[in-house]
Structures are given as C-alpha cells and as structure tokens.
Protein backbone atom coordinates (compact mmCIF):
# COMPACT_ATOMS: atom_id res chain seq x y z
CA GLY A 1 6.55 -3.71 7.70
CA GLN A 2 10.51 -3.65 7.69
CA TYR A 3 12.63 -2.75 11.29
CA VAL A 4 13.47 0.06 12.26
CA ALA A 5 17.01 0.13 13.48
CA ASP A 6 18.82 3.98 14.21
CA LEU A 7 16.43 4.90 17.52
CA THR A 8 17.93 6.29 20.44
CA LEU A 9 16.65 6.10 23.74
CA GLU A 10 14.88 10.19 23.53
CA ASP A 11 13.03 8.32 20.93
CA PHE A 12 10.86 5.98 23.75
CA ARG A 13 8.00 7.14 26.23
CA ILE A 14 7.20 4.65 28.36
CA VAL A 15 4.04 4.93 31.13
CA GLU A 16 3.31 2.50 33.61
CA ASP A 17 -0.53 2.57 35.14
CA GLY A 18 -1.51 5.41 33.30
CA ALA A 19 2.42 7.48 35.16
CA ALA A 20 5.39 7.99 33.18
CA GLN A 21 8.42 6.59 33.81
CA ARG A 22 12.21 7.32 33.81
CA ILE A 23 14.34 5.33 31.61
CA THR A 24 17.10 3.66 32.64
CA ARG A 25 19.07 2.28 30.33
CA PHE A 26 18.99 1.34 26.91
CA THR A 27 20.98 -0.83 24.57
CA THR A 28 20.76 -2.89 21.39
CA GLU A 29 23.70 -4.60 23.14
CA ARG A 30 22.22 -8.61 21.63
CA ARG A 31 22.13 -10.31 25.51
CA PRO A 32 22.25 -13.67 25.60
CA LEU A 33 19.30 -16.45 24.05
CA ARG A 34 17.77 -19.03 26.36
CA ILE A 35 15.37 -20.61 24.22
CA GLY A 36 12.87 -23.47 24.49
CA ILE A 37 12.03 -24.74 21.36
CA VAL A 38 8.42 -26.55 21.63
CA LEU A 39 6.85 -28.90 19.27
CA ASP A 40 3.37 -30.29 19.16
CA THR A 41 3.96 -33.94 18.28
CA SER A 42 0.54 -35.18 18.79
CA LEU A 43 -1.26 -37.18 15.76
CA THR A 44 -2.38 -33.96 13.98
CA MET A 45 1.24 -33.54 13.24
CA GLU A 46 1.61 -37.26 11.70
CA GLY A 47 4.02 -37.14 8.69
CA ARG A 48 4.59 -34.80 6.26
CA LYS A 49 3.52 -32.15 9.11
CA LEU A 50 5.80 -33.52 11.18
CA GLU A 51 9.23 -34.39 9.44
CA ASN A 52 8.67 -30.31 8.02
CA ALA A 53 8.30 -28.74 11.76
CA LYS A 54 12.12 -30.95 12.41
CA LYS A 55 13.61 -29.30 9.72
CA ALA A 56 12.86 -25.40 10.27
CA ALA A 57 13.80 -26.43 14.18
CA LEU A 58 16.98 -27.59 12.97
CA GLU A 59 17.50 -25.37 10.94
CA PHE A 60 16.45 -22.56 13.70
CA LEU A 61 19.46 -23.53 15.60
CA ASP A 62 21.20 -21.64 13.84
CA ILE A 63 20.71 -18.19 15.34
CA LEU A 64 22.55 -19.86 18.13
CA GLU A 65 25.69 -17.78 19.11
CA PRO A 66 28.17 -18.19 21.82
CA GLY A 67 26.78 -17.55 25.21
CA ASP A 68 23.19 -18.97 23.67
CA GLU A 69 21.80 -21.50 25.13
CA GLY A 70 18.66 -23.78 24.35
CA MET A 71 16.31 -26.80 25.34
CA VAL A 72 14.04 -29.06 23.32
CA VAL A 73 10.91 -30.30 25.06
CA ALA A 74 7.49 -32.42 22.87
CA PHE A 75 3.61 -32.71 24.03
CA ASN A 76 0.82 -34.56 22.79
CA ASP A 77 -0.65 -36.13 26.01
CA GLN A 78 1.87 -35.76 27.73
CA VAL A 79 5.16 -32.66 28.23
CA ARG A 80 8.43 -34.21 27.42
CA ILE A 81 11.57 -32.36 27.82
CA LEU A 82 13.38 -34.01 25.56
CA GLN A 83 16.93 -31.82 25.66
CA GLU A 84 17.63 -29.84 29.25
CA ILE A 85 18.67 -26.72 28.48
CA THR A 86 22.11 -26.55 27.03
CA ALA A 87 25.09 -24.81 24.80
CA GLU A 88 25.44 -27.69 22.61
CA ARG A 89 23.95 -27.75 19.50
CA GLY A 90 24.52 -31.16 18.39
CA SER A 91 22.34 -32.41 22.14
CA MET A 92 19.67 -29.99 20.53
CA ALA A 93 19.44 -30.86 17.31
CA GLN A 94 19.23 -34.83 18.40
CA ALA A 95 16.28 -34.39 20.70
CA ILE A 96 14.48 -32.47 17.61
CA GLY A 97 15.34 -35.39 16.23
CA SER A 98 14.24 -37.93 18.04
CA VAL A 99 10.40 -36.53 17.84
CA GLU A 100 6.94 -39.26 16.82
CA SER A 101 3.90 -38.42 16.51
CA ARG A 102 0.62 -39.17 18.94
CA GLY A 103 -1.68 -38.80 21.13
CA GLY A 104 -3.85 -35.65 22.17
CA THR A 105 -2.64 -31.94 22.23
CA ALA A 106 -1.44 -30.73 25.82
CA LEU A 107 -1.18 -27.39 24.41
CA TYR A 108 -1.17 -25.37 28.05
CA ASP A 109 1.10 -27.71 30.10
CA ALA A 110 3.52 -27.49 27.30
CA VAL A 111 3.59 -23.91 27.88
CA TRP A 112 3.01 -23.73 32.01
CA ARG A 113 5.87 -25.95 32.56
CA THR A 114 8.43 -24.54 29.73
CA ALA A 115 8.33 -21.28 31.02
CA LYS A 116 8.51 -22.53 34.28
CA LYS A 117 11.84 -23.71 33.64
CA LEU A 118 13.17 -20.93 31.84
CA GLU A 119 12.34 -18.86 34.87
CA GLU A 120 16.26 -20.75 36.41
CA PHE A 121 18.01 -19.00 33.94
CA ASP A 122 19.57 -15.02 33.38
CA GLY A 123 19.44 -13.99 29.36
CA ARG A 124 16.17 -12.79 26.84
CA ARG A 125 14.19 -15.75 27.84
CA VAL A 126 12.04 -17.10 24.62
CA MET A 127 9.81 -20.18 23.64
CA VAL A 128 9.82 -20.46 20.39
CA LEU A 129 5.96 -23.06 19.71
CA LEU A 130 4.75 -24.79 17.68
CA SER A 131 1.54 -25.82 17.24
CA ASP A 132 -2.13 -25.77 15.35
CA GLY A 133 -3.42 -24.11 19.14
CA ARG A 134 -5.21 -26.26 20.06
CA ASP A 135 -5.80 -28.40 23.66
CA GLU A 136 -7.86 -31.28 23.01
CA ALA A 137 -6.95 -35.27 24.37
CA ALA A 138 -6.76 -38.03 22.09
CA ASN A 139 -10.69 -39.17 22.93
CA GLY A 140 -11.78 -35.89 21.58
CA PHE A 141 -13.92 -35.79 24.77
CA GLU A 142 -12.02 -33.84 26.99
CA PRO A 143 -9.52 -30.83 27.32
CA GLY A 144 -6.23 -32.65 27.37
CA SER A 145 -4.08 -30.12 29.42
CA LEU A 146 -4.10 -30.25 33.80
CA HIS A 147 -3.47 -25.78 33.42
CA THR A 148 -6.01 -23.12 31.79
CA LEU A 149 -5.11 -20.93 28.94
CA GLU A 150 -5.11 -18.59 31.94
CA GLU A 151 -2.70 -20.81 33.94
CA ALA A 152 0.02 -20.74 30.82
CA LEU A 153 -0.56 -17.33 30.20
CA THR A 154 -0.10 -16.49 33.71
CA GLN A 155 3.31 -18.49 34.27
CA ALA A 156 4.79 -17.37 31.48
CA LEU A 157 4.05 -13.71 32.37
CA ARG A 158 5.36 -13.93 35.55
CA SER A 159 8.40 -16.54 34.08
CA GLU A 160 9.02 -13.44 31.60
CA VAL A 161 9.76 -15.36 28.47
CA MET A 162 8.83 -13.84 25.38
CA LEU A 163 6.38 -16.26 23.47
CA PHE A 164 6.90 -16.59 19.29
CA ALA A 165 3.86 -19.14 18.56
CA ILE A 166 3.68 -20.34 14.80
CA GLY A 167 0.61 -21.48 14.12
CA LEU A 168 0.10 -24.52 11.50
CA GLY A 169 -2.64 -25.64 9.59
CA ARG A 170 -5.29 -24.11 8.19
CA ASN A 171 -8.46 -22.38 8.34
CA LEU A 172 -7.15 -21.29 12.34
CA ASP A 173 -9.28 -18.13 12.44
CA GLU A 174 -12.52 -20.32 12.13
CA ARG A 175 -11.84 -23.04 14.07
CA LEU A 176 -12.69 -23.18 17.74
CA ASP A 177 -11.43 -24.59 20.66
CA PHE A 178 -12.35 -27.68 22.98
CA THR A 179 -14.74 -24.97 24.87
CA ARG A 180 -15.85 -23.66 22.08
CA ARG A 181 -14.79 -19.72 23.11
CA PHE A 182 -12.06 -19.21 21.29
CA THR A 183 -10.53 -19.81 18.10
CA LEU A 184 -7.07 -20.91 17.42
CA GLU A 185 -5.99 -18.30 15.81
CA ALA A 186 -7.12 -15.88 18.68
CA ILE A 187 -4.76 -18.96 21.68
CA LEU A 188 -1.47 -18.06 19.96
CA GLU A 189 -2.31 -14.90 19.17
CA ARG A 190 -3.04 -13.92 23.04
CA LEU A 191 -0.66 -16.00 24.27
CA ALA A 192 1.89 -14.33 21.99
CA ALA A 193 1.37 -10.87 22.00
CA GLU A 194 0.16 -10.12 26.06
CA THR A 195 3.69 -12.54 26.76
CA GLY A 196 5.29 -9.36 23.94
CA GLY A 197 6.14 -12.14 20.81
CA ARG A 198 4.56 -12.82 17.94
CA ALA A 199 2.55 -14.97 16.06
CA LEU A 200 2.68 -16.28 13.18
CA PHE A 201 0.56 -18.35 10.83
CA THR A 202 0.78 -20.50 7.73
CA PRO A 203 -1.26 -23.08 5.96
CA GLY A 204 1.12 -25.20 5.44
CA ALA A 205 3.44 -27.37 6.40
CA GLY A 206 6.24 -26.01 3.17
CA ARG A 207 6.30 -22.88 4.55
CA LEU A 208 7.28 -23.61 8.17
CA ARG A 209 10.72 -22.55 7.77
CA ARG A 210 10.30 -19.21 7.44
CA ALA A 211 8.10 -19.36 9.55
CA PHE A 212 10.93 -19.95 12.37
CA SER A 213 13.33 -17.71 9.75
CA ASP A 214 10.77 -14.65 10.61
CA VAL A 215 11.16 -15.24 15.15
CA ALA A 216 14.82 -15.61 13.71
CA ASP A 217 14.64 -12.13 12.68
CA ASP A 218 12.62 -10.73 14.98
CA LEU A 219 15.16 -11.97 17.49
CA ARG A 220 18.41 -10.48 16.68
CA ASN A 221 16.41 -6.98 15.93
CA GLN A 222 15.67 -5.69 19.26
CA TYR A 223 15.97 -2.99 22.13
CA SER A 224 16.28 -3.68 25.83
CA ILE A 225 15.00 -0.33 27.72
CA ALA A 226 14.90 -0.82 31.37
CA TYR A 227 13.55 1.82 34.30
CA LYS A 228 12.94 1.82 37.77
CA SER A 229 8.97 1.78 38.43
CA THR A 230 7.45 5.05 40.93
CA ASN A 231 5.33 2.88 41.87
CA GLU A 232 7.67 1.06 44.99
CA ALA A 233 4.06 -1.26 46.62
CA ARG A 234 5.08 -4.87 47.10
CA ASP A 235 1.73 -5.86 46.22
CA GLY A 236 2.41 -9.36 43.21
CA LYS A 237 0.39 -7.10 41.37
CA TRP A 238 -0.39 -7.06 37.75
CA ARG A 239 1.86 -3.41 35.48
CA ARG A 240 0.41 -2.96 32.90
CA VAL A 241 3.61 -0.77 31.00
CA ARG A 242 2.93 0.78 27.79
CA VAL A 243 5.95 1.68 25.41
CA ASP A 244 5.58 3.50 22.40
CA THR A 245 7.34 6.51 20.35
CA PRO A 246 6.46 9.66 20.25
CA GLY A 247 6.16 11.29 16.50
CA ARG A 248 7.02 8.73 15.27
CA ASP A 249 4.56 6.75 13.04
CA LEU A 250 5.79 2.96 14.00
CA GLU A 251 4.52 -0.24 15.58
CA ILE A 252 6.10 -1.58 18.60
CA THR A 253 6.06 -5.30 19.71
CA CYS A 254 7.02 -5.88 23.78
CA ARG A 255 5.60 -7.33 26.40
CA LYS A 256 2.45 -5.28 27.88
CA GLY A 257 2.66 -5.84 31.79
CA TYR A 258 4.84 -7.38 34.80
CA PHE A 259 4.10 -8.42 38.00
CA ALA A 260 5.18 -6.73 40.76
CA SER A 261 7.24 -8.12 43.15
CA SER A 262 5.42 -9.14 47.36
CA GLU A 263 6.49 -9.06 50.25
CA ASP A 264 7.49 -12.02 50.89
CA GLU A 265 9.75 -12.58 47.86
CA PRO A 266 13.64 -10.68 47.28
CA PRO A 267 13.51 -6.96 45.72
CA ALA A 268 13.86 -6.48 42.29
CA ALA A 269 17.50 -5.71 41.24
CA PRO A 270 16.53 -1.88 39.61
C-alpha cells in the first residue's frame, strides 16, 4: 500500500513471451510528461459532478513541472480538443474551465483520438480519463463511438500511452455497458491495467480531488526500465512482457507489453 523507492536494477526481472531479457537502462530520473486530460462532459455529468471535476482537474495541473506539456480533451457525442499540447498551464486551465455538459458519451472515440495525438510527442505519454465508463449515444439506443473498446485499447498500446482512469459514479461494478457484456468498472480497469496505469473509483464528485491526487502520486513515483528484445523479428505482433521482483513481495504496475516494429516501419531505437 506504499511506494517502494529504494529498488535497484538488480531487484528487477523482465520476461518477454517467456524469454528472459537483459535490462540495458534503469533510472529513477523523471522524464518529461505529455499528459492528455480527458473529461466526460455528457449529460450524466451535469451540475455538481462537472463543477467538482473541473476543480479537481485544475488542481491536478499543479504536478506539471518545467519541460512538461499537456492537452485538454472533452467528449460527449463528439470529441473536442479544447487545448492542443502546450506548456502553458494557464491555457490548459482556461480550457478546463470552459467545459459544459450535454449529449451522449463517445468514450472510446475520446481514448482513440487522444492516444493518437499523444504519440506525436516524446516523453512519458499519459492519459488521465474521467468518466463513468459508459459509451452510449444520447438516445440510449446505440453506441456513442465509432470505435470499439478493442480499437481504443489497441491505439493506446500502439501509441505507448499510460492511461489512468477515474471512474465516477455508484455501482459501476454492477452497471453494464451498451453491449451488456462488461461492467463499467471492468471497462475502465482494463483500459488502465493493459496500458500500465491504474483505475480509481469514487462514488461521488466530492471525492474527485483525492482520486486526481492519487494519480499525481503515481506519476511522481516511477522507475524507468529498458531492454533490447532478444526477438529481432519485425513482424508487428504483440509481445507480452512481465516484470517482477524475485524475492520481494511487491505489487508492480507496468505496461503489459508492446507491438513490435513491422517491416514497413523504421526499427525502434535500442
């Protein structure tokens, strides 16, 4: 339940598709952040919910340091980039303050588009998503997005974006999505877990500040580990990665893998 800040390279082990890998770089040095703040502004966020969400998001901007950049995205029936990537905290704050609630919820389109936009930038790519996990049109009879959950998740993984999901609402572990296949909680947890982020849940808007603060703490307490894969095939396939700490009983949050370069892409830097 607490961060472990004294680990060294020797404490970690990396396995890719069952094959042990040699760590080539290990650091606790903070890399610049590229953050997409993505806010659900559908009708379900009307009133006090949205006002508290705006306040919590504004306070979250305080974690930005020199060299960090961010963008602000709002979504209801449509996805709108309210502020392109910028280092100006005031511009991001103005964008957050301008959001209003209306319409349905194009959640998967918002994740897909924000991830695609973030891949243009170097640094740690992070998405902070505030939503109840529902993807639904305003009429309640069709999905809200053109993209599916699988497509949104795949784009986040290809863009190497770490997604933190803040689930707002009660009984998200019981409420089902439009397809009636997944709970809203399971959707947000999957988006976060697969990309190496974390899902946090708060039943009421009054506790949003704590959730945003927890995300900020996670971003301040990270290790960066790199390796050159022993699998040199440029086949574009998914490679599953496991990171553990042999002999230490620790809970590790990390990306679950990556897509290898393909023949028509330039090879990745070692």
